PDB file of N, CA and C in Angstrom:
ATOM      1  N   UNK A   1       0.845  -1.178   0.000  1.00  0.00           N
ATOM      2  CA  UNK A   1       0.000   0.000   0.000  1.00  0.00           C
ATOM      3  C   UNK A   1       0.891   1.243   0.000  1.00  0.00           C
ATOM      4  N   UNK A   2       0.638   2.120  -0.947  1.00  0.00           N
ATOM      5  CA  UNK A   2       1.397   3.369  -1.031  1.00  0.00           C
ATOM      6  C   UNK A   2       0.697   4.441  -0.207  1.00  0.00           C
ATOM      7  N   UNK A   3       1.452   5.110   0.641  1.00  0.00           N
ATOM      8  CA  UNK A   3       0.912   6.182   1.475  1.00  0.00           C
ATOM      9  C   UNK A   3       1.232   7.513   0.819  1.00  0.00           C
ATOM     10  N   UNK A   4       0.216   8.300   0.526  1.00  0.00           N
ATOM     11  CA  UNK A   4       0.391   9.589  -0.151  1.00  0.00           C
ATOM     12  C   UNK A   4       0.385  10.709   0.882  1.00  0.00           C
ATOM     13  N   UNK A   5       1.405  11.559   0.800  1.00  0.00           N
ATOM     14  CA  UNK A   5       1.519  12.681   1.718  1.00  0.00           C
ATOM     15  C   UNK A   5       1.379  13.998   0.976  1.00  0.00           C
ATOM     16  N   UNK A   6       0.697  14.924   1.599  1.00  0.00           N
ATOM     17  CA  UNK A   6       0.593  16.271   1.037  1.00  0.00           C
ATOM     18  C   UNK A   6       1.949  16.959   1.163  1.00  0.00           C
ATOM     19  N   UNK A   7       2.155  17.985   0.356  1.00  0.00           N
ATOM     20  CA  UNK A   7       3.355  18.809   0.487  1.00  0.00           C
ATOM     21  C   UNK A   7       3.299  19.568   1.805  1.00  0.00           C
ATOM     22  N   UNK A   8       4.435  20.081   2.227  1.00  0.00           N
ATOM     23  CA  UNK A   8       4.553  20.809   3.486  1.00  0.00           C
ATOM     24  C   UNK A   8       3.633  22.032   3.496  1.00  0.00           C
ATOM     25  N   UNK A   9       2.899  22.263   4.596  1.00  0.00           N
ATOM     26  CA  UNK A   9       2.017  23.426   4.667  1.00  0.00           C
ATOM     27  C   UNK A   9       2.782  24.735   4.858  1.00  0.00           C
ATOM     28  N   UNK A  10       4.057  24.659   5.213  1.00  0.00           N
ATOM     29  CA  UNK A  10       4.836  25.856   5.476  1.00  0.00           C
ATOM     30  C   UNK A  10       5.640  26.318   4.258  1.00  0.00           C
ATOM     31  N   UNK A  11       6.296  25.363   3.577  1.00  0.00           N
ATOM     32  CA  UNK A  11       7.160  25.761   2.461  1.00  0.00           C
ATOM     33  C   UNK A  11       6.758  25.128   1.132  1.00  0.00           C
ATOM     34  N   UNK A  12       5.827  24.174   1.153  1.00  0.00           N
ATOM     35  CA  UNK A  12       5.402  23.505  -0.067  1.00  0.00           C
ATOM     36  C   UNK A  12       6.330  22.384  -0.504  1.00  0.00           C
ATOM     37  N   UNK A  13       7.341  22.078   0.326  1.00  0.00           N
ATOM     38  CA  UNK A  13       8.316  21.039  -0.001  1.00  0.00           C
ATOM     39  C   UNK A  13       7.739  19.638   0.038  1.00  0.00           C
ATOM     40  N   UNK A  14       8.504  18.699  -0.522  1.00  0.00           N
ATOM     41  CA  UNK A  14       8.101  17.291  -0.566  1.00  0.00           C
ATOM     42  C   UNK A  14       8.296  16.663   0.811  1.00  0.00           C
ATOM     43  N   UNK A  15       7.339  15.834   1.210  1.00  0.00           N
ATOM     44  CA  UNK A  15       7.387  15.170   2.505  1.00  0.00           C
ATOM     45  C   UNK A  15       7.715  13.690   2.328  1.00  0.00           C
ATOM     46  N   UNK A  16       8.310  13.106   3.360  1.00  0.00           N
ATOM     47  CA  UNK A  16       8.658  11.693   3.332  1.00  0.00           C
ATOM     48  C   UNK A  16       8.360  11.065   4.692  1.00  0.00           C
ATOM     49  N   UNK A  17       8.052   9.776   4.691  1.00  0.00           N
ATOM     50  CA  UNK A  17       7.805   9.038   5.923  1.00  0.00           C
ATOM     51  C   UNK A  17       9.148   8.564   6.471  1.00  0.00           C
ATOM     52  N   UNK A  18       9.418   8.831   7.735  1.00  0.00           N
ATOM     53  CA  UNK A  18      10.679   8.449   8.371  1.00  0.00           C
ATOM     54  C   UNK A  18      10.399   7.477   9.508  1.00  0.00           C
ATOM     55  N   UNK A  19      11.319   6.572   9.771  1.00  0.00           N
ATOM     56  CA  UNK A  19      11.242   5.676  10.933  1.00  0.00           C
ATOM     57  C   UNK A  19      12.575   5.710  11.665  1.00  0.00           C
ATOM     58  N   UNK A  20      12.516   5.606  12.993  1.00  0.00           N
ATOM     59  CA  UNK A  20      13.719   5.649  13.822  1.00  0.00           C
ATOM     60  C   UNK A  20      13.556   4.728  15.018  1.00  0.00           C
ATOM     61  N   UNK A  21      14.669   4.182  15.512  1.00  0.00           N
ATOM     62  CA  UNK A  21      14.692   3.388  16.745  1.00  0.00           C
ATOM     63  C   UNK A  21      15.121   4.296  17.893  1.00  0.00           C
ATOM     64  N   UNK A  22      14.283   5.218  18.294  1.00  0.00           N
ATOM     65  CA  UNK A  22      14.711   6.188  19.304  1.00  0.00           C
ATOM     66  C   UNK A  22      13.817   6.278  20.525  1.00  0.00           C
ATOM     67  N   UNK A  23      12.656   5.703  20.491  1.00  0.00           N
ATOM     68  CA  UNK A  23      11.742   5.845  21.610  1.00  0.00           C
ATOM     69  C   UNK A  23      11.989   4.713  22.598  1.00  0.00           C
ATOM     70  N   UNK A  24      12.197   5.036  23.863  1.00  0.00           N
ATOM     71  CA  UNK A  24      12.441   4.013  24.876  1.00  0.00           C
ATOM     72  C   UNK A  24      11.228   3.947  25.803  1.00  0.00           C
ATOM     73  N   UNK A  25      10.654   2.744  25.887  1.00  0.00           N
ATOM     74  CA  UNK A  25       9.501   2.489  26.755  1.00  0.00           C
ATOM     75  C   UNK A  25       9.833   1.264  27.582  1.00  0.00           C
ATOM     76  N   UNK A  26       9.770   1.394  28.904  1.00  0.00           N
ATOM     77  CA  UNK A  26      10.089   0.287  29.811  1.00  0.00           C
ATOM     78  C   UNK A  26      11.442  -0.341  29.479  1.00  0.00           C
ATOM     79  N   UNK A  27      12.444   0.496  29.262  1.00  0.00           N
ATOM     80  CA  UNK A  27      13.822   0.085  28.985  1.00  0.00           C
ATOM     81  C   UNK A  27      13.978  -0.661  27.662  1.00  0.00           C
ATOM     82  N   UNK A  28      13.022  -0.572  26.761  1.00  0.00           N
ATOM     83  CA  UNK A  28      13.116  -1.183  25.441  1.00  0.00           C
ATOM     84  C   UNK A  28      13.080  -0.090  24.379  1.00  0.00           C
ATOM     85  N   UNK A  29      13.923  -0.245  23.371  1.00  0.00           N
ATOM     86  CA  UNK A  29      13.916   0.692  22.258  1.00  0.00           C
ATOM     87  C   UNK A  29      12.812   0.303  21.293  1.00  0.00           C
ATOM     88  N   UNK A  30      11.950   1.246  20.972  1.00  0.00           N
ATOM     89  CA  UNK A  30      10.835   1.015  20.049  1.00  0.00           C
ATOM     90  C   UNK A  30      11.016   1.891  18.819  1.00  0.00           C
ATOM     91  N   UNK A  31      10.561   1.387  17.685  1.00  0.00           N
ATOM     92  CA  UNK A  31      10.574   2.184  16.452  1.00  0.00           C
ATOM     93  C   UNK A  31       9.439   3.197  16.502  1.00  0.00           C
ATOM     94  N   UNK A  32       9.723   4.389  16.023  1.00  0.00           N
ATOM     95  CA  UNK A  32       8.666   5.369  15.858  1.00  0.00           C
ATOM     96  C   UNK A  32       8.714   5.876  14.425  1.00  0.00           C
ATOM     97  N   UNK A  33       7.598   6.398  13.964  1.00  0.00           N
ATOM     98  CA  UNK A  33       7.528   6.911  12.599  1.00  0.00           C
ATOM     99  C   UNK A  33       6.850   8.269  12.599  1.00  0.00           C
ATOM    100  N   UNK A  34       7.181   9.053  11.583  1.00  0.00           N
ATOM    101  CA  UNK A  34       6.620  10.390  11.427  1.00  0.00           C
ATOM    102  C   UNK A  34       6.876  10.853  10.007  1.00  0.00           C
ATOM    103  N   UNK A  35       6.191  11.905   9.597  1.00  0.00           N
ATOM    104  CA  UNK A  35       6.409  12.501   8.280  1.00  0.00           C
ATOM    105  C   UNK A  35       7.250  13.752   8.464  1.00  0.00           C
ATOM    106  N   UNK A  36       8.241  13.951   7.582  1.00  0.00           N
ATOM    107  CA  UNK A  36       9.136  15.106   7.662  1.00  0.00           C
ATOM    108  C   UNK A  36       9.248  15.761   6.286  1.00  0.00           C
ATOM    109  N   UNK A  37       9.270  17.098   6.296  1.00  0.00           N
ATOM    110  CA  UNK A  37       9.489  17.855   5.062  1.00  0.00           C
ATOM    111  C   UNK A  37      10.967  17.788   4.700  1.00  0.00           C
ATOM    112  N   UNK A  38      11.255  17.496   3.437  1.00  0.00           N
ATOM    113  CA  UNK A  38      12.633  17.388   2.967  1.00  0.00           C
ATOM    114  C   UNK A  38      13.297  18.766   2.809  1.00  0.00           C
ATOM    115  N   UNK A  39      12.500  19.832   2.774  1.00  0.00           N
ATOM    116  CA  UNK A  39      13.040  21.175   2.548  1.00  0.00           C
ATOM    117  C   UNK A  39      13.286  21.949   3.846  1.00  0.00           C
ATOM    118  N   UNK A  40      12.260  22.069   4.685  1.00  0.00           N
ATOM    119  CA  UNK A  40      12.378  22.934   5.872  1.00  0.00           C
ATOM    120  C   UNK A  40      12.442  22.158   7.195  1.00  0.00           C
ATOM    121  N   UNK A  41      12.392  20.836   7.134  1.00  0.00           N
ATOM    122  CA  UNK A  41      12.474  19.969   8.311  1.00  0.00           C
ATOM    123  C   UNK A  41      11.268  20.051   9.241  1.00  0.00           C
ATOM    124  N   UNK A  42      10.175  20.633   8.790  1.00  0.00           N
ATOM    125  CA  UNK A  42       8.949  20.547   9.591  1.00  0.00           C
ATOM    126  C   UNK A  42       8.598  19.066   9.696  1.00  0.00           C
ATOM    127  N   UNK A  43       8.000  18.664  10.805  1.00  0.00           N
ATOM    128  CA  UNK A  43       7.660  17.260  10.958  1.00  0.00           C
ATOM    129  C   UNK A  43       6.335  17.095  11.679  1.00  0.00           C
ATOM    130  N   UNK A  44       5.740  15.955  11.452  1.00  0.00           N
ATOM    131  CA  UNK A  44       4.466  15.642  12.070  1.00  0.00           C
ATOM    132  C   UNK A  44       4.637  14.904  13.380  1.00  0.00           C
ATOM    133  N   UNK A  45       3.532  14.593  13.982  1.00  0.00           N
ATOM    134  CA  UNK A  45       3.482  13.860  15.238  1.00  0.00           C
ATOM    135  C   UNK A  45       4.117  12.479  15.064  1.00  0.00           C
ATOM    136  N   UNK A  46       4.817  12.005  16.097  1.00  0.00           N
ATOM    137  CA  UNK A  46       5.453  10.685  16.067  1.00  0.00           C
ATOM    138  C   UNK A  46       4.485   9.626  16.598  1.00  0.00           C
ATOM    139  N   UNK A  47       4.551   8.450  15.981  1.00  0.00           N
ATOM    140  CA  UNK A  47       3.724   7.323  16.390  1.00  0.00           C
ATOM    141  C   UNK A  47       4.620   6.116  16.647  1.00  0.00           C
ATOM    142  N   UNK A  48       4.357   5.375  17.722  1.00  0.00           N
ATOM    143  CA  UNK A  48       5.120   4.181  18.065  1.00  0.00           C
ATOM    144  C   UNK A  48       4.642   3.025  17.196  1.00  0.00           C
ATOM    145  N   UNK A  49       5.603   2.347  16.556  1.00  0.00           N
ATOM    146  CA  UNK A  49       5.266   1.174  15.754  1.00  0.00           C
ATOM    147  C   UNK A  49       5.242  -0.049  16.659  1.00  0.00           C
ATOM    148  N   UNK A  50       4.257  -0.909  16.490  1.00  0.00           N
ATOM    149  CA  UNK A  50       4.170  -2.142  17.261  1.00  0.00           C
ATOM    150  C   UNK A  50       5.064  -3.221  16.679  1.00  0.00           C
ATOM    151  N   UNK A  51       4.934  -4.428  17.205  1.00  0.00           N
ATOM    152  CA  UNK A  51       5.788  -5.536  16.785  1.00  0.00           C
ATOM    153  C   UNK A  51       5.282  -6.251  15.539  1.00  0.00           C
ATOM    154  N   UNK A  52       3.991  -6.191  15.288  1.00  0.00           N
ATOM    155  CA  UNK A  52       3.442  -6.910  14.129  1.00  0.00           C
ATOM    156  C   UNK A  52       3.411  -6.011  12.891  1.00  0.00           C
ATOM    157  N   UNK A  53       3.333  -6.627  11.731  1.00  0.00           N
ATOM    158  CA  UNK A  53       3.236  -5.890  10.467  1.00  0.00           C
ATOM    159  C   UNK A  53       2.006  -4.982  10.467  1.00  0.00           C
ATOM    160  N   UNK A  54       0.896  -5.493  11.001  1.00  0.00           N
ATOM    161  CA  UNK A  54      -0.342  -4.706  11.057  1.00  0.00           C
ATOM    162  C   UNK A  54      -0.175  -3.479  11.941  1.00  0.00           C
ATOM    163  N   UNK A  55       0.463  -3.648  13.104  1.00  0.00           N
ATOM    164  CA  UNK A  55       0.674  -2.517  14.013  1.00  0.00           C
ATOM    165  C   UNK A  55       1.605  -1.475  13.389  1.00  0.00           C
ATOM    166  N   UNK A  56       2.610  -1.936  12.650  1.00  0.00           N
ATOM    167  CA  UNK A  56       3.512  -0.997  11.976  1.00  0.00           C
ATOM    168  C   UNK A  56       2.774  -0.201  10.911  1.00  0.00           C
ATOM    169  N   UNK A  57       1.922  -0.879  10.148  1.00  0.00           N
ATOM    170  CA  UNK A  57       1.171  -0.189   9.093  1.00  0.00           C
ATOM    171  C   UNK A  57       0.180   0.814   9.691  1.00  0.00           C
ATOM    172  N   UNK A  58      -0.470   0.452  10.797  1.00  0.00           N
ATOM    173  CA  UNK A  58      -1.404   1.371  11.454  1.00  0.00           C
ATOM    174  C   UNK A  58      -0.671   2.622  11.923  1.00  0.00           C
ATOM    175  N   UNK A  59       0.515   2.462  12.516  1.00  0.00           N
ATOM    176  CA  UNK A  59       1.299   3.615  12.976  1.00  0.00           C
ATOM    177  C   UNK A  59       1.693   4.497  11.803  1.00  0.00           C
ATOM    178  N   UNK A  60       2.110   3.890  10.705  1.00  0.00           N
ATOM    179  CA  UNK A  60       2.525   4.658   9.534  1.00  0.00           C
ATOM    180  C   UNK A  60       1.341   5.392   8.898  1.00  0.00           C
ATOM    181  N   UNK A  61       0.199   4.725   8.821  1.00  0.00           N
ATOM    182  CA  UNK A  61      -1.000   5.390   8.288  1.00  0.00           C
ATOM    183  C   UNK A  61      -1.424   6.535   9.201  1.00  0.00           C
ATOM    184  N   UNK A  62      -1.283   6.366  10.515  1.00  0.00           N
ATOM    185  CA  UNK A  62      -1.630   7.425  11.470  1.00  0.00           C
ATOM    186  C   UNK A  62      -0.704   8.625  11.319  1.00  0.00           C
ATOM    187  N   UNK A  63       0.590   8.370  11.098  1.00  0.00           N
ATOM    188  CA  UNK A  63       1.549   9.465  10.904  1.00  0.00           C
ATOM    189  C   UNK A  63       1.220  10.261   9.646  1.00  0.00           C
ATOM    190  N   UNK A  64       0.894   9.566   8.572  1.00  0.00           N
ATOM    191  CA  UNK A  64       0.542  10.235   7.317  1.00  0.00           C
ATOM    192  C   UNK A  64      -0.769  10.994   7.469  1.00  0.00           C
ATOM    193  N   UNK A  65      -1.737  10.387   8.152  1.00  0.00           N
ATOM    194  CA  UNK A  65      -3.027  11.050   8.360  1.00  0.00           C
ATOM    195  C   UNK A  65      -2.851  12.329   9.186  1.00  0.00           C
ATOM    196  N   UNK A  66      -2.025  12.274  10.228  1.00  0.00           N
ATOM    197  CA  UNK A  66      -1.777  13.474  11.052  1.00  0.00           C
ATOM    198  C   UNK A  66      -1.127  14.570  10.209  1.00  0.00           C
ATOM    199  N   UNK A  67      -0.185  14.196   9.346  1.00  0.00           N
ATOM    200  CA  UNK A  67       0.483  15.170   8.464  1.00  0.00           C
ATOM    201  C   UNK A  67      -0.499  15.767   7.465  1.00  0.00           C
ATOM    202  N   UNK A  68      -1.338  14.937   6.894  1.00  0.00           N
ATOM    203  CA  UNK A  68      -2.255  15.383   5.840  1.00  0.00           C
ATOM    204  C   UNK A  68      -3.461  16.162   6.359  1.00  0.00           C
ATOM    205  N   UNK A  69      -3.748  16.070   7.655  1.00  0.00           N
ATOM    206  CA  UNK A  69      -4.904  16.766   8.222  1.00  0.00           C
ATOM    207  C   UNK A  69      -4.566  18.243   8.378  1.00  0.00           C
ATOM    208  N   UNK A  70      -5.263  19.060   7.622  1.00  0.00           N
ATOM    209  CA  UNK A  70      -5.016  20.511   7.647  1.00  0.00           C
ATOM    210  C   UNK A  70      -6.288  21.203   8.114  1.00  0.00           C
ATOM    211  N   UNK A  71      -6.225  21.746   9.319  1.00  0.00           N
ATOM    212  CA  UNK A  71      -7.377  22.427   9.885  1.00  0.00           C
ATOM    213  C   UNK A  71      -7.189  23.938   9.930  1.00  0.00           C
ATOM    214  N   UNK A  72      -6.150  24.415   9.252  1.00  0.00           N
ATOM    215  CA  UNK A  72      -5.854  25.844   9.271  1.00  0.00           C
ATOM    216  C   UNK A  72      -4.915  26.226  10.395  1.00  0.00           C
ATOM    217  N   UNK A  73      -4.783  25.358  11.405  1.00  0.00           N
ATOM    218  CA  UNK A  73      -3.892  25.626  12.532  1.00  0.00           C
ATOM    219  C   UNK A  73      -2.627  24.788  12.456  1.00  0.00           C
ATOM    220  N   UNK A  74      -2.648  23.702  11.688  1.00  0.00           N
ATOM    221  CA  UNK A  74      -1.514  22.776  11.561  1.00  0.00           C
ATOM    222  C   UNK A  74      -1.025  22.313  12.924  1.00  0.00           C
ATOM    223  N   UNK A  75      -1.961  21.940  13.814  1.00  0.00           N
ATOM    224  CA  UNK A  75      -1.620  21.541  15.171  1.00  0.00           C
ATOM    225  C   UNK A  75      -0.813  20.242  15.240  1.00  0.00           C
ATOM    226  N   UNK A  76      -0.845  19.414  14.200  1.00  0.00           N
ATOM    227  CA  UNK A  76      -0.107  18.151  14.210  1.00  0.00           C
ATOM    228  C   UNK A  76       1.237  18.267  13.500  1.00  0.00           C
ATOM    229  N   UNK A  77       1.651  19.480  13.141  1.00  0.00           N
ATOM    230  CA  UNK A  77       2.901  19.673  12.406  1.00  0.00           C
ATOM    231  C   UNK A  77       3.754  20.708  13.123  1.00  0.00           C
ATOM    232  N   UNK A  78       5.047  20.413  13.244  1.00  0.00           N
ATOM    233  CA  UNK A  78       5.969  21.235  14.011  1.00  0.00           C
ATOM    234  C   UNK A  78       7.101  21.731  13.122  1.00  0.00           C
ATOM    235  N   UNK A  79       7.578  22.925  13.382  1.00  0.00           N
ATOM    236  CA  UNK A  79       8.640  23.538  12.584  1.00  0.00           C
ATOM    237  C   UNK A  79      10.004  23.096  13.103  1.00  0.00           C
ATOM    238  N   UNK A  80      10.923  22.886  12.176  1.00  0.00           N
ATOM    239  CA  UNK A  80      12.316  22.635  12.534  1.00  0.00           C
ATOM    240  C   UNK A  80      12.605  21.236  13.015  1.00  0.00           C
ATOM    241  N   UNK A  81      13.892  20.954  13.270  1.00  0.00           N
ATOM    242  CA  UNK A  81      14.387  19.641  13.666  1.00  0.00           C
ATOM    243  C   UNK A  81      13.927  19.218  14.974  1.00  0.00           C
TER     244      UNK A  81
END
């Protein structure tokens, strides 16, 4: 399944889905995912990926949905690194 992301609401740049092993919960490193603008580094809300393929896909779809939701306030999108 291809996840389509809108361009950045701040600069119009191309966005990409990123994943990182940086979130620590109960002394375990968990993968998290988020959408980031390739131009200005604005990024969306981070979501923890679960252990199953289904949980990973749900987290990734949630990250894209948070990025794509534009309510005029861009409350789910943050400026800078």
